[in-house]
Amino acid sequence: IEAVAEALVFASKAGADPAKVRQALMGGLAASRILEVHGERMVKRTFAPGFRIELHQKDLNLALEGAKALGVSLPNTSTTQQLFNSCAANGGAKEDHSALVRALERMANFEVGSEAADTRGKAA
């Protein structure tokens, strides 16, 4: 979910149509159920709960506690948990976990699907 969210924020802010980017990724090795379902929710801005952020936080906490007990580092799990924490802190704990994209959007100051300011090739 985090990787899909990053890809869509990046591509959308760069000026690409996120729906077309998602469709292109579905045709390659990045194809997955997460990209199919949650990528579509991110593009269409439909965050009605399926699996809530607060439940995903609980599961990631269990994974991180288990990893700590085993002396295993899970850096991407930890980062994703922090993004979910940001969503929850901004009122999104009950939203679908695809709303993780909102944490990345806040950091990018850009919403997936918004028109990107295309300044490429223009004189400053």
PDB file of N, CA and C in Angstrom:
ATOM      1  N   ILE A   1       0.837  -1.187   0.000  1.00  0.00           N
ATOM      2  CA  ILE A   1       0.000   0.000   0.000  1.00  0.00           C
ATOM      3  C   ILE A   1       0.879   1.247   0.000  1.00  0.00           C
ATOM      4  N   GLU A   2       1.941   1.224   0.797  1.00  0.00           N
ATOM      5  CA  GLU A   2       2.808   2.399   0.869  1.00  0.00           C
ATOM      6  C   GLU A   2       3.499   2.648  -0.467  1.00  0.00           C
ATOM      7  N   ALA A   3       3.999   1.603  -1.103  1.00  0.00           N
ATOM      8  CA  ALA A   3       4.688   1.762  -2.389  1.00  0.00           C
ATOM      9  C   ALA A   3       3.739   2.261  -3.471  1.00  0.00           C
ATOM     10  N   VAL A   4       2.519   1.766  -3.487  1.00  0.00           N
ATOM     11  CA  VAL A   4       1.520   2.223  -4.455  1.00  0.00           C
ATOM     12  C   VAL A   4       1.217   3.702  -4.215  1.00  0.00           C
ATOM     13  N   ALA A   5       1.048   4.076  -2.954  1.00  0.00           N
ATOM     14  CA  ALA A   5       0.773   5.471  -2.625  1.00  0.00           C
ATOM     15  C   ALA A   5       1.915   6.380  -3.078  1.00  0.00           C
ATOM     16  N   GLU A   6       3.155   5.959  -2.811  1.00  0.00           N
ATOM     17  CA  GLU A   6       4.309   6.760  -3.244  1.00  0.00           C
ATOM     18  C   GLU A   6       4.339   6.923  -4.752  1.00  0.00           C
ATOM     19  N   ALA A   7       4.132   5.841  -5.458  1.00  0.00           N
ATOM     20  CA  ALA A   7       4.171   5.892  -6.926  1.00  0.00           C
ATOM     21  C   ALA A   7       3.114   6.850  -7.469  1.00  0.00           C
ATOM     22  N   LEU A   8       1.917   6.801  -6.914  1.00  0.00           N
ATOM     23  CA  LEU A   8       0.844   7.649  -7.420  1.00  0.00           C
ATOM     24  C   LEU A   8       1.052   9.117  -7.065  1.00  0.00           C
ATOM     25  N   VAL A   9       1.569   9.395  -5.872  1.00  0.00           N
ATOM     26  CA  VAL A   9       1.866  10.782  -5.505  1.00  0.00           C
ATOM     27  C   VAL A   9       2.966  11.325  -6.417  1.00  0.00           C
ATOM     28  N   PHE A  10       4.029  10.558  -6.575  1.00  0.00           N
ATOM     29  CA  PHE A  10       5.157  10.980  -7.407  1.00  0.00           C
ATOM     30  C   PHE A  10       4.714  11.237  -8.844  1.00  0.00           C
ATOM     31  N   ALA A  11       4.047  10.264  -9.441  1.00  0.00           N
ATOM     32  CA  ALA A  11       3.636  10.385 -10.837  1.00  0.00           C
ATOM     33  C   ALA A  11       2.649  11.523 -11.033  1.00  0.00           C
ATOM     34  N   SER A  12       1.699  11.638 -10.118  1.00  0.00           N
ATOM     35  CA  SER A  12       0.683  12.681 -10.237  1.00  0.00           C
ATOM     36  C   SER A  12       1.293  14.068 -10.100  1.00  0.00           C
ATOM     37  N   LYS A  13       2.183  14.240  -9.139  1.00  0.00           N
ATOM     38  CA  LYS A  13       2.809  15.553  -8.957  1.00  0.00           C
ATOM     39  C   LYS A  13       3.706  15.892 -10.142  1.00  0.00           C
ATOM     40  N   ALA A  14       4.259  14.875 -10.790  1.00  0.00           N
ATOM     41  CA  ALA A  14       5.091  15.094 -11.975  1.00  0.00           C
ATOM     42  C   ALA A  14       4.258  15.458 -13.201  1.00  0.00           C
ATOM     43  N   GLY A  15       2.934  15.366 -13.071  1.00  0.00           N
ATOM     44  CA  GLY A  15       2.059  15.753 -14.171  1.00  0.00           C
ATOM     45  C   GLY A  15       1.404  14.604 -14.905  1.00  0.00           C
ATOM     46  N   ALA A  16       1.688  13.375 -14.495  1.00  0.00           N
ATOM     47  CA  ALA A  16       1.079  12.215 -15.150  1.00  0.00           C
ATOM     48  C   ALA A  16      -0.328  11.971 -14.596  1.00  0.00           C
ATOM     49  N   ASP A  17      -1.168  11.388 -15.418  1.00  0.00           N
ATOM     50  CA  ASP A  17      -2.514  11.008 -15.002  1.00  0.00           C
ATOM     51  C   ASP A  17      -2.380   9.765 -14.112  1.00  0.00           C
ATOM     52  N   PRO A  18      -2.734   9.863 -12.814  1.00  0.00           N
ATOM     53  CA  PRO A  18      -2.531   8.716 -11.924  1.00  0.00           C
ATOM     54  C   PRO A  18      -3.312   7.475 -12.342  1.00  0.00           C
ATOM     55  N   ALA A  19      -4.465   7.646 -12.946  1.00  0.00           N
ATOM     56  CA  ALA A  19      -5.243   6.492 -13.401  1.00  0.00           C
ATOM     57  C   ALA A  19      -4.497   5.762 -14.519  1.00  0.00           C
ATOM     58  N   LYS A  20      -3.871   6.518 -15.416  1.00  0.00           N
ATOM     59  CA  LYS A  20      -3.107   5.898 -16.513  1.00  0.00           C
ATOM     60  C   LYS A  20      -1.831   5.247 -15.981  1.00  0.00           C
ATOM     61  N   VAL A  21      -1.196   5.868 -15.008  1.00  0.00           N
ATOM     62  CA  VAL A  21       0.001   5.285 -14.404  1.00  0.00           C
ATOM     63  C   VAL A  21      -0.360   3.965 -13.736  1.00  0.00           C
ATOM     64  N   ARG A  22      -1.452   3.959 -12.974  1.00  0.00           N
ATOM     65  CA  ARG A  22      -1.900   2.731 -12.319  1.00  0.00           C
ATOM     66  C   ARG A  22      -2.164   1.643 -13.353  1.00  0.00           C
ATOM     67  N   GLN A  23      -2.832   2.007 -14.445  1.00  0.00           N
ATOM     68  CA  GLN A  23      -3.147   1.038 -15.494  1.00  0.00           C
ATOM     69  C   GLN A  23      -1.862   0.490 -16.130  1.00  0.00           C
ATOM     70  N   ALA A  24      -0.891   1.357 -16.358  1.00  0.00           N
ATOM     71  CA  ALA A  24       0.382   0.909 -16.944  1.00  0.00           C
ATOM     72  C   ALA A  24       1.112  -0.046 -15.995  1.00  0.00           C
ATOM     73  N   LEU A  25       1.125   0.284 -14.715  1.00  0.00           N
ATOM     74  CA  LEU A  25       1.777  -0.582 -13.738  1.00  0.00           C
ATOM     75  C   LEU A  25       1.087  -1.942 -13.631  1.00  0.00           C
ATOM     76  N   MET A  26      -0.225  -1.957 -13.848  1.00  0.00           N
ATOM     77  CA  MET A  26      -0.970  -3.218 -13.783  1.00  0.00           C
ATOM     78  C   MET A  26      -0.546  -4.175 -14.893  1.00  0.00           C
ATOM     79  N   GLY A  27       0.066  -3.651 -15.947  1.00  0.00           N
ATOM     80  CA  GLY A  27       0.492  -4.489 -17.058  1.00  0.00           C
ATOM     81  C   GLY A  27       1.893  -5.056 -16.898  1.00  0.00           C
ATOM     82  N   GLY A  28       2.556  -4.747 -15.801  1.00  0.00           N
ATOM     83  CA  GLY A  28       3.931  -5.216 -15.610  1.00  0.00           C
ATOM     84  C   GLY A  28       4.101  -6.001 -14.332  1.00  0.00           C
ATOM     85  N   LEU A  29       5.344  -6.085 -13.882  1.00  0.00           N
ATOM     86  CA  LEU A  29       5.657  -6.855 -12.677  1.00  0.00           C
ATOM     87  C   LEU A  29       5.096  -6.225 -11.412  1.00  0.00           C
ATOM     88  N   ALA A  30       4.725  -4.959 -11.459  1.00  0.00           N
ATOM     89  CA  ALA A  30       4.145  -4.295 -10.287  1.00  0.00           C
ATOM     90  C   ALA A  30       2.676  -4.678 -10.070  1.00  0.00           C
ATOM     91  N   ALA A  31       2.092  -5.386 -11.020  1.00  0.00           N
ATOM     92  CA  ALA A  31       0.690  -5.769 -10.905  1.00  0.00           C
ATOM     93  C   ALA A  31       0.461  -6.542  -9.610  1.00  0.00           C
ATOM     94  N   SER A  32      -0.581  -6.138  -8.892  1.00  0.00           N
ATOM     95  CA  SER A  32      -0.920  -6.804  -7.638  1.00  0.00           C
ATOM     96  C   SER A  32      -2.351  -6.455  -7.272  1.00  0.00           C
ATOM     97  N   ARG A  33      -2.886  -7.193  -6.356  1.00  0.00           N
ATOM     98  CA  ARG A  33      -4.235  -6.906  -5.851  1.00  0.00           C
ATOM     99  C   ARG A  33      -4.246  -5.548  -5.143  1.00  0.00           C
ATOM    100  N   ILE A  34      -3.147  -5.206  -4.461  1.00  0.00           N
ATOM    101  CA  ILE A  34      -3.052  -3.913  -3.775  1.00  0.00           C
ATOM    102  C   ILE A  34      -3.126  -2.778  -4.798  1.00  0.00           C
ATOM    103  N   LEU A  35      -2.337  -2.878  -5.859  1.00  0.00           N
ATOM    104  CA  LEU A  35      -2.367  -1.850  -6.902  1.00  0.00           C
ATOM    105  C   LEU A  35      -3.740  -1.790  -7.554  1.00  0.00           C
ATOM    106  N   GLU A  36      -4.327  -2.939  -7.798  1.00  0.00           N
ATOM    107  CA  GLU A  36      -5.641  -2.996  -8.444  1.00  0.00           C
ATOM    108  C   GLU A  36      -6.717  -2.326  -7.585  1.00  0.00           C
ATOM    109  N   VAL A  37      -6.855  -2.774  -6.345  1.00  0.00           N
ATOM    110  CA  VAL A  37      -7.950  -2.309  -5.487  1.00  0.00           C
ATOM    111  C   VAL A  37      -7.623  -0.988  -4.800  1.00  0.00           C
ATOM    112  N   HIS A  38      -6.511  -0.970  -4.086  1.00  0.00           N
ATOM    113  CA  HIS A  38      -6.199   0.227  -3.302  1.00  0.00           C
ATOM    114  C   HIS A  38      -5.675   1.367  -4.163  1.00  0.00           C
ATOM    115  N   GLY A  39      -4.971   1.036  -5.236  1.00  0.00           N
ATOM    116  CA  GLY A  39      -4.556   2.079  -6.178  1.00  0.00           C
ATOM    117  C   GLY A  39      -5.761   2.786  -6.766  1.00  0.00           C
ATOM    118  N   GLU A  40      -6.789   2.022  -7.087  1.00  0.00           N
ATOM    119  CA  GLU A  40      -8.021   2.625  -7.617  1.00  0.00           C
ATOM    120  C   GLU A  40      -8.690   3.514  -6.566  1.00  0.00           C
ATOM    121  N   ARG A  41      -8.710   3.053  -5.317  1.00  0.00           N
ATOM    122  CA  ARG A  41      -9.295   3.878  -4.249  1.00  0.00           C
ATOM    123  C   ARG A  41      -8.528   5.190  -4.087  1.00  0.00           C
ATOM    124  N   MET A  42      -7.204   5.125  -4.205  1.00  0.00           N
ATOM    125  CA  MET A  42      -6.389   6.335  -4.080  1.00  0.00           C
ATOM    126  C   MET A  42      -6.686   7.304  -5.222  1.00  0.00           C
ATOM    127  N   VAL A  43      -6.786   6.780  -6.434  1.00  0.00           N
ATOM    128  CA  VAL A  43      -7.063   7.618  -7.599  1.00  0.00           C
ATOM    129  C   VAL A  43      -8.466   8.211  -7.519  1.00  0.00           C
ATOM    130  N   LYS A  44      -9.445   7.391  -7.127  1.00  0.00           N
ATOM    131  CA  LYS A  44     -10.839   7.846  -7.080  1.00  0.00           C
ATOM    132  C   LYS A  44     -11.207   8.549  -5.777  1.00  0.00           C
ATOM    133  N   ARG A  45     -10.266   8.554  -4.797  1.00  0.00           N
ATOM    134  CA  ARG A  45     -10.478   9.229  -3.517  1.00  0.00           C
ATOM    135  C   ARG A  45     -11.629   8.601  -2.736  1.00  0.00           C
ATOM    136  N   THR A  46     -11.720   7.286  -2.764  1.00  0.00           N
ATOM    137  CA  THR A  46     -12.773   6.561  -2.043  1.00  0.00           C
ATOM    138  C   THR A  46     -12.142   5.838  -0.862  1.00  0.00           C
ATOM    139  N   PHE A  47     -12.279   6.414   0.322  1.00  0.00           N
ATOM    140  CA  PHE A  47     -11.617   5.886   1.508  1.00  0.00           C
ATOM    141  C   PHE A  47     -12.596   5.357   2.548  1.00  0.00           C
ATOM    142  N   ALA A  48     -13.814   5.005   2.109  1.00  0.00           N
ATOM    143  CA  ALA A  48     -14.766   4.374   3.029  1.00  0.00           C
ATOM    144  C   ALA A  48     -14.120   3.090   3.540  1.00  0.00           C
ATOM    145  N   PRO A  49     -14.251   2.823   4.824  1.00  0.00           N
ATOM    146  CA  PRO A  49     -13.493   1.708   5.396  1.00  0.00           C
ATOM    147  C   PRO A  49     -13.849   0.343   4.832  1.00  0.00           C
ATOM    148  N   GLY A  50     -12.792  -0.355   4.481  1.00  0.00           N
ATOM    149  CA  GLY A  50     -12.819  -1.777   4.219  1.00  0.00           C
ATOM    150  C   GLY A  50     -12.026  -2.351   5.386  1.00  0.00           C
ATOM    151  N   PHE A  51     -10.713  -2.139   5.315  1.00  0.00           N
ATOM    152  CA  PHE A  51      -9.837  -2.478   6.435  1.00  0.00           C
ATOM    153  C   PHE A  51      -9.309  -1.151   6.972  1.00  0.00           C
ATOM    154  N   ARG A  52      -9.707  -0.824   8.180  1.00  0.00           N
ATOM    155  CA  ARG A  52      -9.414   0.503   8.744  1.00  0.00           C
ATOM    156  C   ARG A  52      -7.946   0.688   9.109  1.00  0.00           C
ATOM    157  N   ILE A  53      -7.505   1.925   9.010  1.00  0.00           N
ATOM    158  CA  ILE A  53      -6.139   2.294   9.383  1.00  0.00           C
ATOM    159  C   ILE A  53      -5.835   1.841  10.806  1.00  0.00           C
ATOM    160  N   GLU A  54      -6.758   2.043  11.734  1.00  0.00           N
ATOM    161  CA  GLU A  54      -6.492   1.676  13.128  1.00  0.00           C
ATOM    162  C   GLU A  54      -6.242   0.178  13.288  1.00  0.00           C
ATOM    163  N   LEU A  55      -6.853  -0.648  12.455  1.00  0.00           N
ATOM    164  CA  LEU A  55      -6.607  -2.089  12.518  1.00  0.00           C
ATOM    165  C   LEU A  55      -5.251  -2.436  11.907  1.00  0.00           C
ATOM    166  N   HIS A  56      -4.902  -1.725  10.852  1.00  0.00           N
ATOM    167  CA  HIS A  56      -3.596  -1.956  10.233  1.00  0.00           C
ATOM    168  C   HIS A  56      -2.490  -1.533  11.205  1.00  0.00           C
ATOM    169  N   GLN A  57      -2.716  -0.439  11.940  1.00  0.00           N
ATOM    170  CA  GLN A  57      -1.754  -0.002  12.959  1.00  0.00           C
ATOM    171  C   GLN A  57      -1.544  -1.092  14.006  1.00  0.00           C
ATOM    172  N   LYS A  58      -2.642  -1.699  14.446  1.00  0.00           N
ATOM    173  CA  LYS A  58      -2.556  -2.767  15.442  1.00  0.00           C
ATOM    174  C   LYS A  58      -1.713  -3.919  14.913  1.00  0.00           C
ATOM    175  N   ASP A  59      -1.963  -4.327  13.678  1.00  0.00           N
ATOM    176  CA  ASP A  59      -1.213  -5.432  13.087  1.00  0.00           C
ATOM    177  C   ASP A  59       0.268  -5.094  12.924  1.00  0.00           C
ATOM    178  N   LEU A  60       0.558  -3.875  12.494  1.00  0.00           N
ATOM    179  CA  LEU A  60       1.960  -3.486  12.339  1.00  0.00           C
ATOM    180  C   LEU A  60       2.650  -3.396  13.690  1.00  0.00           C
ATOM    181  N   ASN A  61       1.932  -2.952  14.724  1.00  0.00           N
ATOM    182  CA  ASN A  61       2.513  -2.938  16.074  1.00  0.00           C
ATOM    183  C   ASN A  61       2.911  -4.339  16.504  1.00  0.00           C
ATOM    184  N   LEU A  62       2.050  -5.319  16.233  1.00  0.00           N
ATOM    185  CA  LEU A  62       2.365  -6.708  16.583  1.00  0.00           C
ATOM    186  C   LEU A  62       3.604  -7.190  15.829  1.00  0.00           C
ATOM    187  N   ALA A  63       3.673  -6.853  14.547  1.00  0.00           N
ATOM    188  CA  ALA A  63       4.837  -7.254  13.754  1.00  0.00           C
ATOM    189  C   ALA A  63       6.107  -6.603  14.288  1.00  0.00           C
ATOM    190  N   LEU A  64       6.032  -5.319  14.609  1.00  0.00           N
ATOM    191  CA  LEU A  64       7.212  -4.607  15.105  1.00  0.00           C
ATOM    192  C   LEU A  64       7.647  -5.112  16.480  1.00  0.00           C
ATOM    193  N   GLU A  65       6.681  -5.443  17.337  1.00  0.00           N
ATOM    194  CA  GLU A  65       7.015  -6.015  18.642  1.00  0.00           C
ATOM    195  C   GLU A  65       7.693  -7.372  18.477  1.00  0.00           C
ATOM    196  N   GLY A  66       7.169  -8.200  17.578  1.00  0.00           N
ATOM    197  CA  GLY A  66       7.767  -9.506  17.311  1.00  0.00           C
ATOM    198  C   GLY A  66       9.172  -9.367  16.742  1.00  0.00           C
ATOM    199  N   ALA A  67       9.343  -8.428  15.839  1.00  0.00           N
ATOM    200  CA  ALA A  67      10.659  -8.197  15.246  1.00  0.00           C
ATOM    201  C   ALA A  67      11.658  -7.731  16.299  1.00  0.00           C
ATOM    202  N   LYS A  68      11.214  -6.865  17.193  1.00  0.00           N
ATOM    203  CA  LYS A  68      12.090  -6.381  18.254  1.00  0.00           C
ATOM    204  C   LYS A  68      12.530  -7.540  19.151  1.00  0.00           C
ATOM    205  N   ALA A  69      11.571  -8.402  19.493  1.00  0.00           N
ATOM    206  CA  ALA A  69      11.888  -9.555  20.350  1.00  0.00           C
ATOM    207  C   ALA A  69      12.886 -10.492  19.687  1.00  0.00           C
ATOM    208  N   LEU A  70      12.853 -10.564  18.368  1.00  0.00           N
ATOM    209  CA  LEU A  70      13.759 -11.449  17.632  1.00  0.00           C
ATOM    210  C   LEU A  70      15.048 -10.760  17.210  1.00  0.00           C
ATOM    211  N   GLY A  71      15.136  -9.454  17.451  1.00  0.00           N
ATOM    212  CA  GLY A  71      16.319  -8.720  17.018  1.00  0.00           C
ATOM    213  C   GLY A  71      16.376  -8.538  15.513  1.00  0.00           C
ATOM    214  N   VAL A  72      15.198  -8.389  14.905  1.00  0.00           N
ATOM    215  CA  VAL A  72      15.100  -8.212  13.453  1.00  0.00           C
ATOM    216  C   VAL A  72      14.678  -6.777  13.161  1.00  0.00           C
ATOM    217  N   SER A  73      15.320  -6.167  12.193  1.00  0.00           N
ATOM    218  CA  SER A  73      14.974  -4.810  11.786  1.00  0.00           C
ATOM    219  C   SER A  73      13.969  -4.849  10.640  1.00  0.00           C
ATOM    220  N   LEU A  74      12.885  -4.101  10.789  1.00  0.00           N
ATOM    221  CA  LEU A  74      11.869  -3.981   9.742  1.00  0.00           C
ATOM    222  C   LEU A  74      11.679  -2.494   9.415  1.00  0.00           C
ATOM    223  N   PRO A  75      12.658  -1.881   8.734  1.00  0.00           N
ATOM    224  CA  PRO A  75      12.608  -0.435   8.530  1.00  0.00           C
ATOM    225  C   PRO A  75      11.411   0.044   7.726  1.00  0.00           C
ATOM    226  N   ASN A  76      11.012  -0.684   6.691  1.00  0.00           N
ATOM    227  CA  ASN A  76       9.871  -0.236   5.902  1.00  0.00           C
ATOM    228  C   ASN A  76       8.562  -0.397   6.668  1.00  0.00           C
ATOM    229  N   THR A  77       8.471  -1.418   7.487  1.00  0.00           N
ATOM    230  CA  THR A  77       7.289  -1.602   8.332  1.00  0.00           C
ATOM    231  C   THR A  77       7.186  -0.454   9.317  1.00  0.00           C
ATOM    232  N   SER A  78       8.302  -0.078   9.898  1.00  0.00           N
ATOM    233  CA  SER A  78       8.333   1.032  10.854  1.00  0.00           C
ATOM    234  C   SER A  78       7.938   2.347  10.196  1.00  0.00           C
ATOM    235  N   THR A  79       8.459   2.603   9.019  1.00  0.00           N
ATOM    236  CA  THR A  79       8.116   3.829   8.290  1.00  0.00           C
ATOM    237  C   THR A  79       6.633   3.854   7.935  1.00  0.00           C
ATOM    238  N   THR A  80       6.134   2.728   7.477  1.00  0.00           N
ATOM    239  CA  THR A  80       4.711   2.656   7.121  1.00  0.00           C
ATOM    240  C   THR A  80       3.845   2.884   8.357  1.00  0.00           C
ATOM    241  N   GLN A  81       4.258   2.349   9.480  1.00  0.00           N
ATOM    242  CA  GLN A  81       3.513   2.574  10.723  1.00  0.00           C
ATOM    243  C   GLN A  81       3.473   4.067  11.049  1.00  0.00           C
ATOM    244  N   GLN A  82       4.582   4.763  10.855  1.00  0.00           N
ATOM    245  CA  GLN A  82       4.607   6.204  11.117  1.00  0.00           C
ATOM    246  C   GLN A  82       3.667   6.947  10.175  1.00  0.00           C
ATOM    247  N   LEU A  83       3.556   6.514   8.930  1.00  0.00           N
ATOM    248  CA  LEU A  83       2.616   7.135   7.994  1.00  0.00           C
ATOM    249  C   LEU A  83       1.180   6.892   8.445  1.00  0.00           C
ATOM    250  N   PHE A  84       0.899   5.675   8.905  1.00  0.00           N
ATOM    251  CA  PHE A  84      -0.432   5.403   9.448  1.00  0.00           C
ATOM    252  C   PHE A  84      -0.690   6.245  10.694  1.00  0.00           C
ATOM    253  N   ASN A  85       0.330   6.425  11.535  1.00  0.00           N
ATOM    254  CA  ASN A  85       0.182   7.271  12.717  1.00  0.00           C
ATOM    255  C   ASN A  85      -0.175   8.700  12.309  1.00  0.00           C
ATOM    256  N   SER A  86       0.441   9.187  11.252  1.00  0.00           N
ATOM    257  CA  SER A  86       0.127  10.524  10.752  1.00  0.00           C
ATOM    258  C   SER A  86      -1.331  10.610  10.296  1.00  0.00           C
ATOM    259  N   CYS A  87      -1.782   9.584   9.595  1.00  0.00           N
ATOM    260  CA  CYS A  87      -3.184   9.558   9.150  1.00  0.00           C
ATOM    261  C   CYS A  87      -4.127   9.590  10.348  1.00  0.00           C
ATOM    262  N   ALA A  88      -3.839   8.748  11.330  1.00  0.00           N
ATOM    263  CA  ALA A  88      -4.689   8.686  12.523  1.00  0.00           C
ATOM    264  C   ALA A  88      -4.683  10.025  13.256  1.00  0.00           C
ATOM    265  N   ALA A  89      -3.508  10.649  13.368  1.00  0.00           N
ATOM    266  CA  ALA A  89      -3.401  11.928  14.058  1.00  0.00           C
ATOM    267  C   ALA A  89      -4.169  13.031  13.344  1.00  0.00           C
ATOM    268  N   ASN A  90      -4.412  12.836  12.057  1.00  0.00           N
ATOM    269  CA  ASN A  90      -5.160  13.816  11.268  1.00  0.00           C
ATOM    270  C   ASN A  90      -6.610  13.388  11.051  1.00  0.00           C
ATOM    271  N   GLY A  91      -7.110  12.529  11.933  1.00  0.00           N
ATOM    272  CA  GLY A  91      -8.518  12.153  11.906  1.00  0.00           C
ATOM    273  C   GLY A  91      -8.880  10.987  11.012  1.00  0.00           C
ATOM    274  N   GLY A  92      -7.895  10.248  10.502  1.00  0.00           N
ATOM    275  CA  GLY A  92      -8.198   9.188   9.548  1.00  0.00           C
ATOM    276  C   GLY A  92      -8.152   7.770  10.074  1.00  0.00           C
ATOM    277  N   ALA A  93      -8.158   7.564  11.380  1.00  0.00           N
ATOM    278  CA  ALA A  93      -8.022   6.214  11.941  1.00  0.00           C
ATOM    279  C   ALA A  93      -9.108   5.260  11.462  1.00  0.00           C
ATOM    280  N   LYS A  94     -10.290   5.756  11.169  1.00  0.00           N
ATOM    281  CA  LYS A  94     -11.405   4.894  10.769  1.00  0.00           C
ATOM    282  C   LYS A  94     -11.539   4.763   9.249  1.00  0.00           C
ATOM    283  N   GLU A  95     -10.671   5.444   8.507  1.00  0.00           N
ATOM    284  CA  GLU A  95     -10.715   5.350   7.045  1.00  0.00           C
ATOM    285  C   GLU A  95     -10.065   4.051   6.578  1.00  0.00           C
ATOM    286  N   ASP A  96     -10.334   3.694   5.338  1.00  0.00           N
ATOM    287  CA  ASP A  96      -9.692   2.535   4.732  1.00  0.00           C
ATOM    288  C   ASP A  96      -8.187   2.755   4.702  1.00  0.00           C
ATOM    289  N   HIS A  97      -7.423   1.683   4.836  1.00  0.00           N
ATOM    290  CA  HIS A  97      -5.972   1.835   4.879  1.00  0.00           C
ATOM    291  C   HIS A  97      -5.379   2.367   3.585  1.00  0.00           C
ATOM    292  N   SER A  98      -6.141   2.397   2.499  1.00  0.00           N
ATOM    293  CA  SER A  98      -5.654   3.035   1.272  1.00  0.00           C
ATOM    294  C   SER A  98      -5.504   4.550   1.458  1.00  0.00           C
ATOM    295  N   ALA A  99      -6.136   5.101   2.492  1.00  0.00           N
ATOM    296  CA  ALA A  99      -5.997   6.529   2.798  1.00  0.00           C
ATOM    297  C   ALA A  99      -4.596   6.857   3.310  1.00  0.00           C
ATOM    298  N   LEU A 100      -3.732   5.849   3.409  1.00  0.00           N
ATOM    299  CA  LEU A 100      -2.321   6.085   3.717  1.00  0.00           C
ATOM    300  C   LEU A 100      -1.739   7.120   2.759  1.00  0.00           C
ATOM    301  N   VAL A 101      -2.258   7.139   1.548  1.00  0.00           N
ATOM    302  CA  VAL A 101      -1.786   8.099   0.547  1.00  0.00           C
ATOM    303  C   VAL A 101      -1.878   9.533   1.064  1.00  0.00           C
ATOM    304  N   ARG A 102      -2.814   9.802   1.945  1.00  0.00           N
ATOM    305  CA  ARG A 102      -2.980  11.172   2.464  1.00  0.00           C
ATOM    306  C   ARG A 102      -1.764  11.646   3.265  1.00  0.00           C
ATOM    307  N   ALA A 103      -1.106  10.753   3.980  1.00  0.00           N
ATOM    308  CA  ALA A 103       0.096  11.146   4.726  1.00  0.00           C
ATOM    309  C   ALA A 103       1.183  11.589   3.756  1.00  0.00           C
ATOM    310  N   LEU A 104       1.362  10.844   2.677  1.00  0.00           N
ATOM    311  CA  LEU A 104       2.364  11.209   1.676  1.00  0.00           C
ATOM    312  C   LEU A 104       1.965  12.485   0.941  1.00  0.00           C
ATOM    313  N   GLU A 105       0.686  12.643   0.704  1.00  0.00           N
ATOM    314  CA  GLU A 105       0.207  13.871   0.053  1.00  0.00           C
ATOM    315  C   GLU A 105       0.486  15.099   0.917  1.00  0.00           C
ATOM    316  N   ARG A 106       0.284  14.962   2.205  1.00  0.00           N
ATOM    317  CA  ARG A 106       0.570  16.092   3.099  1.00  0.00           C
ATOM    318  C   ARG A 106       2.046  16.484   3.015  1.00  0.00           C
ATOM    319  N   MET A 107       2.921  15.487   2.970  1.00  0.00           N
ATOM    320  CA  MET A 107       4.354  15.777   2.884  1.00  0.00           C
ATOM    321  C   MET A 107       4.730  16.378   1.536  1.00  0.00           C
ATOM    322  N   ALA A 108       4.018  16.000   0.483  1.00  0.00           N
ATOM    323  CA  ALA A 108       4.301  16.515  -0.855  1.00  0.00           C
ATOM    324  C   ALA A 108       3.539  17.803  -1.149  1.00  0.00           C
ATOM    325  N   ASN A 109       2.613  18.164  -0.243  1.00  0.00           N
ATOM    326  CA  ASN A 109       1.741  19.322  -0.475  1.00  0.00           C
ATOM    327  C   ASN A 109       1.057  19.197  -1.836  1.00  0.00           C
ATOM    328  N   PHE A 110       0.534  18.005  -2.086  1.00  0.00           N
ATOM    329  CA  PHE A 110      -0.083  17.711  -3.384  1.00  0.00           C
ATOM    330  C   PHE A 110      -1.003  16.512  -3.245  1.00  0.00           C
ATOM    331  N   GLU A 111      -2.171  16.594  -3.836  1.00  0.00           N
ATOM    332  CA  GLU A 111      -3.143  15.500  -3.780  1.00  0.00           C
ATOM    333  C   GLU A 111      -3.156  14.733  -5.096  1.00  0.00           C
ATOM    334  N   VAL A 112      -3.124  13.416  -5.026  1.00  0.00           N
ATOM    335  CA  VAL A 112      -3.193  12.583  -6.222  1.00  0.00           C
ATOM    336  C   VAL A 112      -4.419  12.987  -7.027  1.00  0.00           C
ATOM    337  N   GLY A 113      -4.194  13.192  -8.311  1.00  0.00           N
ATOM    338  CA  GLY A 113      -5.291  13.577  -9.193  1.00  0.00           C
ATOM    339  C   GLY A 113      -5.421  15.075  -9.383  1.00  0.00           C
ATOM    340  N   SER A 114      -4.741  15.864  -8.563  1.00  0.00           N
ATOM    341  CA  SER A 114      -4.764  17.314  -8.752  1.00  0.00           C
ATOM    342  C   SER A 114      -3.935  17.651  -9.974  1.00  0.00           C
ATOM    343  N   GLU A 115      -4.209  18.781 -10.545  1.00  0.00           N
ATOM    344  CA  GLU A 115      -3.405  19.220 -11.684  1.00  0.00           C
ATOM    345  C   GLU A 115      -2.045  19.649 -11.193  1.00  0.00           C
ATOM    346  N   ALA A 116      -1.004  19.051 -11.724  1.00  0.00           N
ATOM    347  CA  ALA A 116       0.364  19.465 -11.357  1.00  0.00           C
ATOM    348  C   ALA A 116       0.726  20.721 -12.111  1.00  0.00           C
ATOM    349  N   ALA A 117       1.421  21.609 -11.425  1.00  0.00           N
ATOM    350  CA  ALA A 117       1.924  22.811 -12.087  1.00  0.00           C
ATOM    351  C   ALA A 117       3.071  22.378 -12.983  1.00  0.00           C
ATOM    352  N   ASP A 118       2.862  22.412 -14.287  1.00  0.00           N
ATOM    353  CA  ASP A 118       3.880  21.951 -15.222  1.00  0.00           C
ATOM    354  C   ASP A 118       4.736  23.138 -15.648  1.00  0.00           C
ATOM    355  N   THR A 119       5.887  23.220 -15.021  1.00  0.00           N
ATOM    356  CA  THR A 119       6.797  24.316 -15.341  1.00  0.00           C
ATOM    357  C   THR A 119       7.978  23.832 -16.157  1.00  0.00           C
ATOM    358  N   ARG A 120       7.941  22.573 -16.581  1.00  0.00           N
ATOM    359  CA  ARG A 120       9.056  22.047 -17.372  1.00  0.00           C
ATOM    360  C   ARG A 120       9.161  22.797 -18.695  1.00  0.00           C
ATOM    361  N   GLY A 121      10.346  23.155 -19.033  1.00  0.00           N
ATOM    362  CA  GLY A 121      10.593  23.798 -20.313  1.00  0.00           C
ATOM    363  C   GLY A 121      10.271  25.282 -20.345  1.00  0.00           C
ATOM    364  N   LYS A 122       9.798  25.838 -19.219  1.00  0.00           N
ATOM    365  CA  LYS A 122       9.472  27.258 -19.176  1.00  0.00           C
ATOM    366  C   LYS A 122      10.612  28.018 -18.505  1.00  0.00           C
ATOM    367  N   ALA A 123      10.871  29.186 -19.003  1.00  0.00           N
ATOM    368  CA  ALA A 123      11.934  30.013 -18.415  1.00  0.00           C
ATOM    369  C   ALA A 123      11.499  30.488 -17.044  1.00  0.00           C
ATOM    370  N   ALA A 124      12.441  30.540 -16.112  1.00  0.00           N
ATOM    371  CA  ALA A 124      12.118  30.989 -14.752  1.00  0.00           C
ATOM    372  C   ALA A 124      12.055  32.479 -14.661  1.00  0.00           C
TER     373      ALA A 124
END
